[in-house]
Amino acid sequence: MAVSDKAQDHPPPPADDAPLATDPIALEILRGTSRMLIDAGLVPIAEFTLPNGRRADIAALDRNGSITIIEIKSSLADFRADQKWPEYADYCDHFFFAVRPDFPREILPGDCGLILADRYGAEIIRPAWIAPALPPARRKMLTLRFARIAALRLAAVSDPAVKDRSEAKDL
């Protein structure tokens, strides 16, 4: 594969795609939502980069291989400034917004799932829309990518140098 082809397959994340770690409210929503997902039998991974270069705030995988993407919105300004969420549709079976209970919910699209969360837990208020079935090759690629990234993050817990080494590789 030529270098230019590789760049087209995995473009860098857009500059406006700030990490969750820079927003304490988003981190609280992440924590509560992750707890709820685990209790429901899904395994979450934060800041999961998709093949289109976008980074999902949370991607979760269930026992059957179904993929859920959750977009965290920590404020009205965050929602208004960031309209990339429609670009996730080609990479998931279910899509939700996760917000704090005091978020103005009426501005969120009514056809998307809704999770209310705080740092201790979360609740699904509105079920997610169900996307058209993912093509099998895309599902396999996303599932393998999910597994590899999760394994590398786990390895980095015991050896922080793993992160530096893995960033040079195409995951």
Protein backbone atom coordinates (compact mmCIF):
# COMPACT_ATOMS: atom_id res chain seq x y z
CA MET A 1 0.00 0.00 0.00
CA ALA A 2 1.38 3.42 -0.92
CA VAL A 3 1.89 5.99 1.81
CA SER A 4 -0.70 8.29 0.25
CA ASP A 5 -3.28 5.47 0.24
CA LYS A 6 -2.62 4.79 3.91
CA ALA A 7 -3.16 8.46 4.77
CA GLN A 8 -6.53 8.38 3.03
CA ASP A 9 -7.60 5.30 5.02
CA HIS A 10 -6.67 6.81 8.38
CA PRO A 11 -6.67 10.62 8.31
CA PRO A 12 -5.60 12.38 11.49
CA PRO A 13 -8.39 13.47 13.84
CA PRO A 14 -9.64 16.99 13.15
CA ALA A 15 -8.13 19.71 15.34
CA ASP A 16 -11.49 20.53 16.96
CA ASP A 17 -11.79 16.99 18.30
CA ALA A 18 -10.49 17.81 21.81
CA PRO A 19 -9.76 14.96 24.21
CA LEU A 20 -12.27 14.31 26.99
CA ALA A 21 -9.51 14.75 29.56
CA THR A 22 -9.62 18.52 29.01
CA ASP A 23 -13.22 18.78 30.27
CA PRO A 24 -14.00 17.74 33.89
CA ILE A 25 -17.75 17.62 33.24
CA ALA A 26 -17.23 15.31 30.25
CA LEU A 27 -15.07 13.07 32.44
CA GLU A 28 -17.90 12.79 34.96
CA ILE A 29 -20.37 11.88 32.21
CA LEU A 30 -17.84 9.35 30.83
CA ARG A 31 -17.45 7.72 34.24
CA GLY A 32 -21.17 7.39 34.95
CA THR A 33 -21.99 6.24 31.43
CA SER A 34 -19.20 3.67 31.47
CA ARG A 35 -20.52 2.25 34.75
CA MET A 36 -24.00 1.91 33.27
CA LEU A 37 -22.67 0.24 30.12
CA ILE A 38 -20.65 -2.29 32.10
CA ASP A 39 -23.67 -3.07 34.29
CA ALA A 40 -25.65 -3.67 31.07
CA GLY A 41 -23.02 -6.09 29.71
CA LEU A 42 -21.26 -3.75 27.28
CA VAL A 43 -17.56 -2.94 27.40
CA PRO A 44 -16.72 0.73 26.76
CA ILE A 45 -13.60 2.34 25.43
CA ALA A 46 -13.16 6.12 25.53
CA GLU A 47 -11.87 8.24 22.66
CA PHE A 48 -12.08 5.52 20.02
CA THR A 49 -10.77 6.77 16.68
CA LEU A 50 -12.86 5.70 13.71
CA PRO A 51 -11.53 5.01 10.21
CA ASN A 52 -12.89 8.38 9.04
CA GLY A 53 -10.55 10.11 11.51
CA ARG A 54 -13.30 11.14 13.92
CA ARG A 55 -12.96 10.16 17.55
CA ALA A 56 -16.03 8.77 19.29
CA ASP A 57 -16.23 9.83 22.92
CA ILE A 58 -17.31 6.29 23.85
CA ALA A 59 -17.53 3.16 21.76
CA ALA A 60 -19.01 0.08 23.39
CA LEU A 61 -19.19 -3.52 22.32
CA ASP A 62 -21.77 -6.03 23.55
CA ARG A 63 -21.47 -9.81 23.77
CA ASN A 64 -22.97 -10.22 20.29
CA GLY A 65 -20.61 -7.76 18.59
CA SER A 66 -23.09 -4.90 18.41
CA ILE A 67 -21.34 -1.51 18.41
CA THR A 68 -22.73 1.49 20.26
CA ILE A 69 -21.29 4.98 19.96
CA ILE A 70 -22.00 7.61 22.58
CA GLU A 71 -21.33 11.31 22.06
CA ILE A 72 -20.80 13.20 25.31
CA LYS A 73 -22.03 16.77 25.46
CA SER A 74 -20.93 18.66 28.56
CA SER A 75 -22.66 21.95 27.76
CA LEU A 76 -24.90 23.75 25.32
CA ALA A 77 -21.82 25.46 23.85
CA ASP A 78 -20.19 22.05 23.34
CA PHE A 79 -23.24 20.81 21.43
CA ARG A 80 -23.48 23.91 19.26
CA ALA A 81 -19.76 23.96 18.45
CA ASP A 82 -19.48 20.28 17.58
CA GLN A 83 -21.77 18.88 14.93
CA LYS A 84 -19.63 15.90 13.85
CA TRP A 85 -21.89 13.25 15.38
CA PRO A 86 -23.76 12.39 12.11
CA GLU A 87 -20.42 11.09 10.79
CA TYR A 88 -20.57 8.21 13.30
CA ALA A 89 -23.60 6.54 11.71
CA ASP A 90 -21.56 4.40 9.33
CA TYR A 91 -19.63 2.87 12.24
CA CYS A 92 -22.25 1.79 14.78
CA ASP A 93 -25.43 -0.12 15.36
CA HIS A 94 -26.73 2.29 18.02
CA PHE A 95 -26.06 5.96 18.75
CA PHE A 96 -26.68 8.00 21.92
CA PHE A 97 -25.96 11.41 23.33
CA ALA A 98 -24.89 11.40 26.98
CA VAL A 99 -25.48 14.59 28.98
CA ARG A 100 -25.87 15.74 32.57
CA PRO A 101 -29.41 15.84 33.97
CA ASP A 102 -29.49 19.66 33.80
CA PHE A 103 -28.61 19.76 30.08
CA PRO A 104 -31.33 21.39 27.88
CA ARG A 105 -32.50 18.12 26.27
CA GLU A 106 -34.99 19.79 23.93
CA ILE A 107 -32.13 20.91 21.65
CA LEU A 108 -30.89 17.36 21.05
CA PRO A 109 -32.17 15.56 17.95
CA GLY A 110 -35.25 13.54 18.88
CA ASP A 111 -34.27 10.55 16.77
CA CYS A 112 -31.06 9.89 18.74
CA GLY A 113 -30.77 7.92 21.95
CA LEU A 114 -30.37 9.89 25.16
CA ILE A 115 -28.48 9.03 28.34
CA LEU A 116 -28.53 11.18 31.46
CA ALA A 117 -25.35 10.74 33.48
CA ASP A 118 -23.39 12.03 36.42
CA ARG A 119 -20.15 10.77 37.92
CA TYR A 120 -21.90 7.91 39.76
CA GLY A 121 -24.09 6.38 37.10
CA ALA A 122 -26.37 6.90 34.14
CA GLU A 123 -29.80 6.07 32.81
CA ILE A 124 -31.12 5.63 29.29
CA ILE A 125 -33.95 8.13 28.86
CA ARG A 126 -34.59 7.54 25.18
CA PRO A 127 -33.57 4.42 23.23
CA ALA A 128 -30.98 4.74 20.51
CA TRP A 129 -31.89 4.70 16.88
CA ILE A 130 -30.94 1.50 15.21
CA ALA A 131 -28.70 2.04 12.23
CA PRO A 132 -28.74 -0.08 9.09
CA ALA A 133 -26.68 -3.24 9.53
CA LEU A 134 -22.95 -2.67 9.30
CA PRO A 135 -21.28 -4.46 6.42
CA PRO A 136 -19.57 -7.60 7.83
CA ALA A 137 -16.08 -6.47 6.76
CA ARG A 138 -16.53 -3.10 8.49
CA ARG A 139 -17.85 -4.76 11.66
CA LYS A 140 -14.85 -7.11 11.72
CA MET A 141 -12.40 -4.25 11.18
CA LEU A 142 -14.00 -2.14 13.95
CA THR A 143 -14.10 -5.08 16.37
CA LEU A 144 -10.44 -5.93 15.76
CA ARG A 145 -9.48 -2.26 16.11
CA PHE A 146 -11.43 -2.08 19.37
CA ALA A 147 -9.66 -5.17 20.73
CA ARG A 148 -6.19 -4.00 19.71
CA ILE A 149 -6.61 -0.52 21.18
CA ALA A 150 -8.04 -1.91 24.43
CA ALA A 151 -5.15 -4.39 24.71
CA LEU A 152 -2.56 -1.68 24.10
CA ARG A 153 -4.15 0.58 26.70
CA LEU A 154 -4.08 -2.26 29.20
CA ALA A 155 -0.43 -2.98 28.39
CA ALA A 156 0.38 0.71 28.93
CA VAL A 157 -0.87 0.46 32.52
CA SER A 158 2.12 -1.69 33.44
CA ASP A 159 4.53 -0.12 30.94
CA PRO A 160 3.87 3.52 29.94
CA ALA A 161 6.45 3.20 27.12
CA VAL A 162 3.98 0.95 25.29
CA LYS A 163 1.93 4.04 24.37
CA ASP A 164 4.91 5.75 22.72
CA ARG A 165 5.82 2.59 20.82
CA SER A 166 2.26 1.89 19.67
CA GLU A 167 1.58 5.42 18.38
CA ALA A 168 4.02 4.82 15.53
CA LYS A 169 2.05 1.79 14.40
CA ASP A 170 -1.09 1.75 12.29
CA LEU A 171 -3.85 0.47 14.56
